[in-house]
Amino acid sequence: PNEKKQRNNWDSALSKHQVRYLGLLENVRVRRAGFAYRHEYDKFFYRYRVCCDDTWPNWSGSFEDGAQAILKPLGLDKKEVAMGKTKIFIRHPETVFSLEELRERKVHTYANRIQMFFRRFAMRSYFWELEVAGNDCIVNKKE
């Protein structure tokens, strides 16, 4: 990296600034410690709160307690998850993949419920209009 955009021209001060700005040093430190995933509690909670019946749809506690409540039903080993002051760390990517899959299934289930409710409403109003139109055709046509 250099400001002149020339090859073989290396600006170490600019590179150092970019590495610090992007947070690569922290990322390397976390990866060396063996954690594949890290996120702030609030982001983790808002993404995965649908996975737990205790946290969805209402939660009144802190984000840290919510994250612990989300992970509790999974039955993970204590070595698998580490709780920091502001972030949650997960060692194996498979754990994150299973959380994502669980979240996907739950969201799909809720979407199906909403669709079912809407279709039921639409069909009931359609048949009600059909019934009213049929009754209007018959009105005053008795012998």
C-alpha atoms as a PDB file:
ATOM      1  CA  PRO A   1       0.000   0.000   0.000  1.00  0.00           C
ATOM      2  CA  ASN A   2       1.211   3.410  -0.971  1.00  0.00           C
ATOM      3  CA  GLU A   3      -0.349   6.711  -1.948  1.00  0.00           C
ATOM      4  CA  LYS A   4       1.310   6.809  -5.359  1.00  0.00           C
ATOM      5  CA  LYS A   5      -0.240   3.473  -6.447  1.00  0.00           C
ATOM      6  CA  GLN A   6       3.116   2.217  -7.715  1.00  0.00           C
ATOM      7  CA  ARG A   7       4.414  -1.300  -7.485  1.00  0.00           C
ATOM      8  CA  ASN A   8       7.399  -2.122  -5.293  1.00  0.00           C
ATOM      9  CA  ASN A   9       6.824   1.075  -3.339  1.00  0.00           C
ATOM     10  CA  TRP A  10       5.953   0.105   0.242  1.00  0.00           C
ATOM     11  CA  ASP A  11       4.829   2.652   2.827  1.00  0.00           C
ATOM     12  CA  SER A  12       5.066   0.901   6.190  1.00  0.00           C
ATOM     13  CA  ALA A  13       3.492   3.764   8.159  1.00  0.00           C
ATOM     14  CA  LEU A  14       0.402   3.673   5.937  1.00  0.00           C
ATOM     15  CA  SER A  15       0.207  -0.121   6.228  1.00  0.00           C
ATOM     16  CA  LYS A  16       0.471   0.050  10.009  1.00  0.00           C
ATOM     17  CA  HIS A  17      -2.304   2.660  10.102  1.00  0.00           C
ATOM     18  CA  GLN A  18      -4.565   0.470   7.927  1.00  0.00           C
ATOM     19  CA  VAL A  19      -3.979  -2.617  10.056  1.00  0.00           C
ATOM     20  CA  ARG A  20      -4.866  -0.700  13.212  1.00  0.00           C
ATOM     21  CA  TYR A  21      -7.861   0.998  11.632  1.00  0.00           C
ATOM     22  CA  LEU A  22      -9.350  -2.294  10.370  1.00  0.00           C
ATOM     23  CA  GLY A  23      -8.866  -4.026  13.726  1.00  0.00           C
ATOM     24  CA  LEU A  24      -6.772  -6.820  12.254  1.00  0.00           C
ATOM     25  CA  LEU A  25      -4.533  -7.080  15.312  1.00  0.00           C
ATOM     26  CA  GLU A  26      -7.491  -7.807  17.572  1.00  0.00           C
ATOM     27  CA  ASN A  27      -8.802 -10.314  15.050  1.00  0.00           C
ATOM     28  CA  VAL A  28      -5.458 -12.137  14.973  1.00  0.00           C
ATOM     29  CA  ARG A  29      -5.301 -12.169  18.789  1.00  0.00           C
ATOM     30  CA  VAL A  30      -8.774 -13.686  19.033  1.00  0.00           C
ATOM     31  CA  ARG A  31      -8.038 -16.282  16.341  1.00  0.00           C
ATOM     32  CA  ARG A  32      -4.791 -17.292  18.049  1.00  0.00           C
ATOM     33  CA  ALA A  33      -6.719 -17.818  21.272  1.00  0.00           C
ATOM     34  CA  GLY A  34      -8.807 -20.379  19.359  1.00  0.00           C
ATOM     35  CA  PHE A  35     -12.078 -18.488  18.930  1.00  0.00           C
ATOM     36  CA  ALA A  36     -13.653 -18.484  15.484  1.00  0.00           C
ATOM     37  CA  TYR A  37     -16.516 -16.110  16.289  1.00  0.00           C
ATOM     38  CA  ARG A  38     -16.801 -12.900  18.266  1.00  0.00           C
ATOM     39  CA  HIS A  39     -19.603 -10.371  18.502  1.00  0.00           C
ATOM     40  CA  GLU A  40     -20.974  -7.764  20.869  1.00  0.00           C
ATOM     41  CA  TYR A  41     -23.726  -8.979  23.147  1.00  0.00           C
ATOM     42  CA  ASP A  42     -26.404  -6.737  21.676  1.00  0.00           C
ATOM     43  CA  LYS A  43     -25.736  -7.822  18.076  1.00  0.00           C
ATOM     44  CA  PHE A  44     -25.597 -11.491  19.079  1.00  0.00           C
ATOM     45  CA  PHE A  45     -28.802 -11.145  21.084  1.00  0.00           C
ATOM     46  CA  TYR A  46     -30.768  -9.391  18.343  1.00  0.00           C
ATOM     47  CA  ARG A  47     -29.645 -11.916  15.722  1.00  0.00           C
ATOM     48  CA  TYR A  48     -30.292 -15.121  17.678  1.00  0.00           C
ATOM     49  CA  ARG A  49     -33.048 -14.165  20.142  1.00  0.00           C
ATOM     50  CA  VAL A  50     -35.588 -15.911  17.945  1.00  0.00           C
ATOM     51  CA  CYS A  51     -33.838 -19.234  18.726  1.00  0.00           C
ATOM     52  CA  CYS A  52     -34.915 -19.313  22.367  1.00  0.00           C
ATOM     53  CA  ASP A  53     -38.463 -19.308  23.737  1.00  0.00           C
ATOM     54  CA  ASP A  54     -37.309 -17.337  26.792  1.00  0.00           C
ATOM     55  CA  THR A  55     -35.961 -14.432  24.743  1.00  0.00           C
ATOM     56  CA  TRP A  56     -38.558 -14.325  21.955  1.00  0.00           C
ATOM     57  CA  PRO A  57     -40.684 -12.194  21.574  1.00  0.00           C
ATOM     58  CA  ASN A  58     -40.087 -10.286  24.830  1.00  0.00           C
ATOM     59  CA  TRP A  59     -36.942 -10.007  26.940  1.00  0.00           C
ATOM     60  CA  SER A  60     -36.503  -7.643  29.850  1.00  0.00           C
ATOM     61  CA  GLY A  61     -32.970  -8.486  31.018  1.00  0.00           C
ATOM     62  CA  SER A  62     -29.547  -7.380  29.845  1.00  0.00           C
ATOM     63  CA  PHE A  63     -28.012  -8.441  26.546  1.00  0.00           C
ATOM     64  CA  GLU A  64     -25.402 -10.542  28.348  1.00  0.00           C
ATOM     65  CA  ASP A  65     -28.086 -12.472  30.238  1.00  0.00           C
ATOM     66  CA  GLY A  66     -30.023 -12.831  26.996  1.00  0.00           C
ATOM     67  CA  ALA A  67     -26.982 -14.293  25.229  1.00  0.00           C
ATOM     68  CA  GLN A  68     -26.544 -16.792  28.060  1.00  0.00           C
ATOM     69  CA  ALA A  69     -30.244 -17.693  27.859  1.00  0.00           C
ATOM     70  CA  ILE A  70     -29.911 -18.296  24.112  1.00  0.00           C
ATOM     71  CA  LEU A  71     -26.898 -20.591  24.570  1.00  0.00           C
ATOM     72  CA  LYS A  72     -28.283 -22.477  27.590  1.00  0.00           C
ATOM     73  CA  PRO A  73     -30.625 -24.867  25.681  1.00  0.00           C
ATOM     74  CA  LEU A  74     -27.798 -25.818  23.322  1.00  0.00           C
ATOM     75  CA  GLY A  75     -25.929 -27.521  26.171  1.00  0.00           C
ATOM     76  CA  LEU A  76     -22.480 -26.331  25.126  1.00  0.00           C
ATOM     77  CA  ASP A  77     -19.302 -27.119  27.014  1.00  0.00           C
ATOM     78  CA  LYS A  78     -17.902 -24.274  29.147  1.00  0.00           C
ATOM     79  CA  LYS A  79     -14.727 -24.325  27.060  1.00  0.00           C
ATOM     80  CA  GLU A  80     -16.762 -23.760  23.891  1.00  0.00           C
ATOM     81  CA  VAL A  81     -18.025 -20.276  24.832  1.00  0.00           C
ATOM     82  CA  ALA A  82     -16.269 -17.417  26.589  1.00  0.00           C
ATOM     83  CA  MET A  83     -18.066 -14.340  27.843  1.00  0.00           C
ATOM     84  CA  GLY A  84     -16.074 -11.113  27.816  1.00  0.00           C
ATOM     85  CA  LYS A  85     -16.995  -7.700  29.144  1.00  0.00           C
ATOM     86  CA  THR A  86     -18.619  -6.552  25.909  1.00  0.00           C
ATOM     87  CA  LYS A  87     -18.351  -9.531  23.544  1.00  0.00           C
ATOM     88  CA  ILE A  88     -19.177 -13.200  23.318  1.00  0.00           C
ATOM     89  CA  PHE A  89     -16.572 -15.597  21.904  1.00  0.00           C
ATOM     90  CA  ILE A  90     -17.325 -19.023  20.395  1.00  0.00           C
ATOM     91  CA  ARG A  91     -14.547 -21.498  19.606  1.00  0.00           C
ATOM     92  CA  HIS A  92     -15.905 -23.771  16.888  1.00  0.00           C
ATOM     93  CA  PRO A  93     -17.589 -22.523  13.714  1.00  0.00           C
ATOM     94  CA  GLU A  94     -19.916 -25.546  13.821  1.00  0.00           C
ATOM     95  CA  THR A  95     -21.613 -24.031  16.867  1.00  0.00           C
ATOM     96  CA  VAL A  96     -22.292 -20.828  14.959  1.00  0.00           C
ATOM     97  CA  PHE A  97     -23.512 -22.856  11.970  1.00  0.00           C
ATOM     98  CA  SER A  98     -25.948 -24.768  14.185  1.00  0.00           C
ATOM     99  CA  LEU A  99     -27.213 -21.482  15.658  1.00  0.00           C
ATOM    100  CA  GLU A 100     -27.713 -20.090  12.160  1.00  0.00           C
ATOM    101  CA  GLU A 101     -29.584 -23.226  11.092  1.00  0.00           C
ATOM    102  CA  LEU A 102     -31.799 -23.080  14.168  1.00  0.00           C
ATOM    103  CA  ARG A 103     -32.483 -19.396  13.511  1.00  0.00           C
ATOM    104  CA  GLU A 104     -33.343 -20.121   9.888  1.00  0.00           C
ATOM    105  CA  ARG A 105     -35.834 -22.821  10.886  1.00  0.00           C
ATOM    106  CA  LYS A 106     -37.496 -20.603  13.492  1.00  0.00           C
ATOM    107  CA  VAL A 107     -37.792 -17.628  11.128  1.00  0.00           C
ATOM    108  CA  HIS A 108     -39.223 -19.926   8.444  1.00  0.00           C
ATOM    109  CA  THR A 109     -41.795 -21.241  10.927  1.00  0.00           C
ATOM    110  CA  TYR A 110     -42.856 -17.732  11.940  1.00  0.00           C
ATOM    111  CA  ALA A 111     -43.076 -16.644   8.290  1.00  0.00           C
ATOM    112  CA  ASN A 112     -45.319 -19.648   7.564  1.00  0.00           C
ATOM    113  CA  ARG A 113     -47.594 -18.701  10.463  1.00  0.00           C
ATOM    114  CA  ILE A 114     -47.937 -15.154   9.163  1.00  0.00           C
ATOM    115  CA  GLN A 115     -48.690 -16.430   5.652  1.00  0.00           C
ATOM    116  CA  MET A 116     -51.260 -18.883   7.015  1.00  0.00           C
ATOM    117  CA  PHE A 117     -53.003 -16.110   8.952  1.00  0.00           C
ATOM    118  CA  PHE A 118     -53.094 -13.824   5.924  1.00  0.00           C
ATOM    119  CA  ARG A 119     -54.379 -16.564   3.606  1.00  0.00           C
ATOM    120  CA  ARG A 120     -57.070 -17.497   6.105  1.00  0.00           C
ATOM    121  CA  PHE A 121     -58.129 -13.837   6.353  1.00  0.00           C
ATOM    122  CA  ALA A 122     -58.113 -13.418   2.563  1.00  0.00           C
ATOM    123  CA  MET A 123     -60.131 -16.589   1.978  1.00  0.00           C
ATOM    124  CA  ARG A 124     -62.678 -15.750   4.666  1.00  0.00           C
ATOM    125  CA  SER A 125     -63.250 -12.291   3.205  1.00  0.00           C
ATOM    126  CA  TYR A 126     -63.471 -13.771  -0.321  1.00  0.00           C
ATOM    127  CA  PHE A 127     -66.083 -16.338   0.682  1.00  0.00           C
ATOM    128  CA  TRP A 128     -68.004 -13.754   2.680  1.00  0.00           C
ATOM    129  CA  GLU A 129     -68.141 -11.495  -0.408  1.00  0.00           C
ATOM    130  CA  LEU A 130     -69.179 -14.517  -2.484  1.00  0.00           C
ATOM    131  CA  GLU A 131     -71.957 -15.334  -0.019  1.00  0.00           C
ATOM    132  CA  VAL A 132     -73.179 -11.734   0.017  1.00  0.00           C
ATOM    133  CA  ALA A 133     -73.182 -11.634  -3.813  1.00  0.00           C
ATOM    134  CA  GLY A 134     -75.112 -14.922  -3.941  1.00  0.00           C
ATOM    135  CA  ASN A 135     -77.680 -13.671  -1.459  1.00  0.00           C
ATOM    136  CA  ASP A 136     -78.067 -10.428  -3.395  1.00  0.00           C
ATOM    137  CA  CYS A 137     -78.858 -12.417  -6.558  1.00  0.00           C
ATOM    138  CA  ILE A 138     -81.628 -14.347  -4.792  1.00  0.00           C
ATOM    139  CA  VAL A 139     -83.250 -11.401  -2.998  1.00  0.00           C
ATOM    140  CA  ASN A 140     -86.823 -10.601  -4.175  1.00  0.00           C
ATOM    141  CA  LYS A 141     -86.908 -13.530  -6.601  1.00  0.00           C
ATOM    142  CA  LYS A 142     -89.201 -15.806  -4.612  1.00  0.00           C
ATOM    143  CA  GLU A 143     -92.415 -17.035  -6.170  1.00  0.00           C
END
